[in-house]
Amino acid sequence: MRPGPTPFSARWGGPGTYELPPFEAFTLPKAIAKAGGNTRIGNLQRVLVTRETNGKVYEITVNMMSPKGRQFRVQEDDLITVPETLF
């Protein structure tokens, strides 16, 4: 993974663009923590990661509360969106 900006948008502490650390496996929980963490209305069971690979755009829904979701690796230029929880 190359270091570079990864945009964030959503219901957690700090939307914006953040640099990925070089040569480090950067997981989704680390990315959200770097942006200030989740808020009480952020839905960590339906985190949306939009990723472009070979000219195709993929939308991946990740349940960050599951063991597999906590290991999800963020890539350069991923757009991470944490939606609101529906009450």
C-alpha atoms as a PDB file:
ATOM      1  CA  MET A   1       0.000   0.000   0.000  1.00  0.00           C
ATOM      2  CA  ARG A   2       1.296   3.435  -0.894  1.00  0.00           C
ATOM      3  CA  PRO A   3       0.818   6.308   1.506  1.00  0.00           C
ATOM      4  CA  GLY A   4      -1.653   8.875   0.334  1.00  0.00           C
ATOM      5  CA  PRO A   5      -4.805  10.767   1.174  1.00  0.00           C
ATOM      6  CA  THR A   6      -7.951   8.854   2.024  1.00  0.00           C
ATOM      7  CA  PRO A   7     -11.160  10.881   2.211  1.00  0.00           C
ATOM      8  CA  PHE A   8     -13.643  10.302   5.029  1.00  0.00           C
ATOM      9  CA  SER A   9     -17.223  11.431   5.327  1.00  0.00           C
ATOM     10  CA  ALA A  10     -19.825  10.573   7.877  1.00  0.00           C
ATOM     11  CA  ARG A  11     -21.177  10.474  11.368  1.00  0.00           C
ATOM     12  CA  TRP A  12     -18.085  10.438  13.449  1.00  0.00           C
ATOM     13  CA  GLY A  13     -15.683  12.882  14.996  1.00  0.00           C
ATOM     14  CA  GLY A  14     -13.845  14.329  12.040  1.00  0.00           C
ATOM     15  CA  PRO A  15     -14.698  14.208   8.347  1.00  0.00           C
ATOM     16  CA  GLY A  16     -11.851  15.173   6.063  1.00  0.00           C
ATOM     17  CA  THR A  17      -8.893  13.707   4.218  1.00  0.00           C
ATOM     18  CA  TYR A  18      -6.207  11.794   6.086  1.00  0.00           C
ATOM     19  CA  GLU A  19      -2.816  10.405   5.113  1.00  0.00           C
ATOM     20  CA  LEU A  20      -2.261   6.673   5.380  1.00  0.00           C
ATOM     21  CA  PRO A  21       0.976   5.745   7.120  1.00  0.00           C
ATOM     22  CA  PRO A  22       3.513   4.267   4.698  1.00  0.00           C
ATOM     23  CA  PHE A  23       4.220   0.542   4.838  1.00  0.00           C
ATOM     24  CA  GLU A  24       1.623  -0.143   7.526  1.00  0.00           C
ATOM     25  CA  ALA A  25      -1.509  -2.276   7.293  1.00  0.00           C
ATOM     26  CA  PHE A  26      -4.195   0.279   8.021  1.00  0.00           C
ATOM     27  CA  THR A  27      -7.496  -1.210   9.166  1.00  0.00           C
ATOM     28  CA  LEU A  28     -10.927   0.388   9.161  1.00  0.00           C
ATOM     29  CA  PRO A  29     -11.005   0.822  12.970  1.00  0.00           C
ATOM     30  CA  LYS A  30      -7.632   2.616  12.827  1.00  0.00           C
ATOM     31  CA  ALA A  31      -8.915   4.884  10.054  1.00  0.00           C
ATOM     32  CA  ILE A  32     -12.043   5.844  11.985  1.00  0.00           C
ATOM     33  CA  ALA A  33     -10.025   6.373  15.176  1.00  0.00           C
ATOM     34  CA  LYS A  34      -7.610   8.629  13.272  1.00  0.00           C
ATOM     35  CA  ALA A  35     -10.573  10.739  12.173  1.00  0.00           C
ATOM     36  CA  GLY A  36     -11.731  11.232  15.763  1.00  0.00           C
ATOM     37  CA  GLY A  37     -13.735   8.066  16.388  1.00  0.00           C
ATOM     38  CA  ASN A  38     -17.399   7.222  16.095  1.00  0.00           C
ATOM     39  CA  THR A  39     -20.233   9.314  17.521  1.00  0.00           C
ATOM     40  CA  ARG A  40     -23.295   8.018  19.328  1.00  0.00           C
ATOM     41  CA  ILE A  41     -25.320   8.128  16.090  1.00  0.00           C
ATOM     42  CA  GLY A  42     -22.749   6.511  13.794  1.00  0.00           C
ATOM     43  CA  ASN A  43     -23.721   3.017  12.570  1.00  0.00           C
ATOM     44  CA  LEU A  44     -20.580   0.865  12.679  1.00  0.00           C
ATOM     45  CA  GLN A  45     -22.512  -2.151  11.403  1.00  0.00           C
ATOM     46  CA  ARG A  46     -23.018  -0.560   7.968  1.00  0.00           C
ATOM     47  CA  VAL A  47     -19.803   1.326   7.155  1.00  0.00           C
ATOM     48  CA  LEU A  48     -19.625   2.001   3.416  1.00  0.00           C
ATOM     49  CA  VAL A  49     -16.235   1.877   1.698  1.00  0.00           C
ATOM     50  CA  THR A  50     -16.188   3.146  -1.888  1.00  0.00           C
ATOM     51  CA  ARG A  51     -13.130   1.914  -3.759  1.00  0.00           C
ATOM     52  CA  GLU A  52     -11.974   2.282  -7.356  1.00  0.00           C
ATOM     53  CA  THR A  53      -9.974  -0.630  -8.783  1.00  0.00           C
ATOM     54  CA  ASN A  54      -8.914  -0.916 -12.421  1.00  0.00           C
ATOM     55  CA  GLY A  55     -11.374   1.785 -13.471  1.00  0.00           C
ATOM     56  CA  LYS A  56     -14.366   0.152 -11.729  1.00  0.00           C
ATOM     57  CA  VAL A  57     -16.024   1.590  -8.625  1.00  0.00           C
ATOM     58  CA  TYR A  58     -17.027  -0.821  -5.861  1.00  0.00           C
ATOM     59  CA  GLU A  59     -19.221  -0.076  -2.852  1.00  0.00           C
ATOM     60  CA  ILE A  60     -18.397  -2.395   0.027  1.00  0.00           C
ATOM     61  CA  THR A  61     -20.558  -2.504   3.157  1.00  0.00           C
ATOM     62  CA  VAL A  62     -18.510  -3.497   6.203  1.00  0.00           C
ATOM     63  CA  ASN A  63     -19.834  -4.543   9.611  1.00  0.00           C
ATOM     64  CA  MET A  64     -17.065  -3.145  11.784  1.00  0.00           C
ATOM     65  CA  MET A  65     -18.556  -4.872  14.820  1.00  0.00           C
ATOM     66  CA  SER A  66     -17.648  -8.300  13.395  1.00  0.00           C
ATOM     67  CA  PRO A  67     -14.147  -9.829  13.641  1.00  0.00           C
ATOM     68  CA  LYS A  68     -13.813  -9.816   9.840  1.00  0.00           C
ATOM     69  CA  GLY A  69     -14.939  -6.179   9.666  1.00  0.00           C
ATOM     70  CA  ARG A  70     -12.369  -5.112  12.267  1.00  0.00           C
ATOM     71  CA  GLN A  71      -9.642  -6.565  10.005  1.00  0.00           C
ATOM     72  CA  PHE A  72     -10.836  -4.775   6.839  1.00  0.00           C
ATOM     73  CA  ARG A  73      -7.858  -2.981   5.286  1.00  0.00           C
ATOM     74  CA  VAL A  74      -8.178   0.557   4.013  1.00  0.00           C
ATOM     75  CA  GLN A  75      -6.477   1.404   0.736  1.00  0.00           C
ATOM     76  CA  GLU A  76      -5.318   4.683  -0.710  1.00  0.00           C
ATOM     77  CA  ASP A  77      -8.205   6.798  -2.047  1.00  0.00           C
ATOM     78  CA  ASP A  78     -10.922   4.748  -0.317  1.00  0.00           C
ATOM     79  CA  LEU A  79     -13.937   6.858   0.595  1.00  0.00           C
ATOM     80  CA  ILE A  80     -15.231   5.778   4.014  1.00  0.00           C
ATOM     81  CA  THR A  81     -18.780   6.686   5.033  1.00  0.00           C
ATOM     82  CA  VAL A  82     -20.302   5.903   8.433  1.00  0.00           C
ATOM     83  CA  PRO A  83     -24.092   6.334   8.156  1.00  0.00           C
ATOM     84  CA  GLU A  84     -26.445   7.413  10.909  1.00  0.00           C
ATOM     85  CA  THR A  85     -28.049   4.778  13.093  1.00  0.00           C
ATOM     86  CA  LEU A  86     -31.782   4.453  12.514  1.00  0.00           C
ATOM     87  CA  PHE A  87     -33.585   4.566  15.838  1.00  0.00           C
END
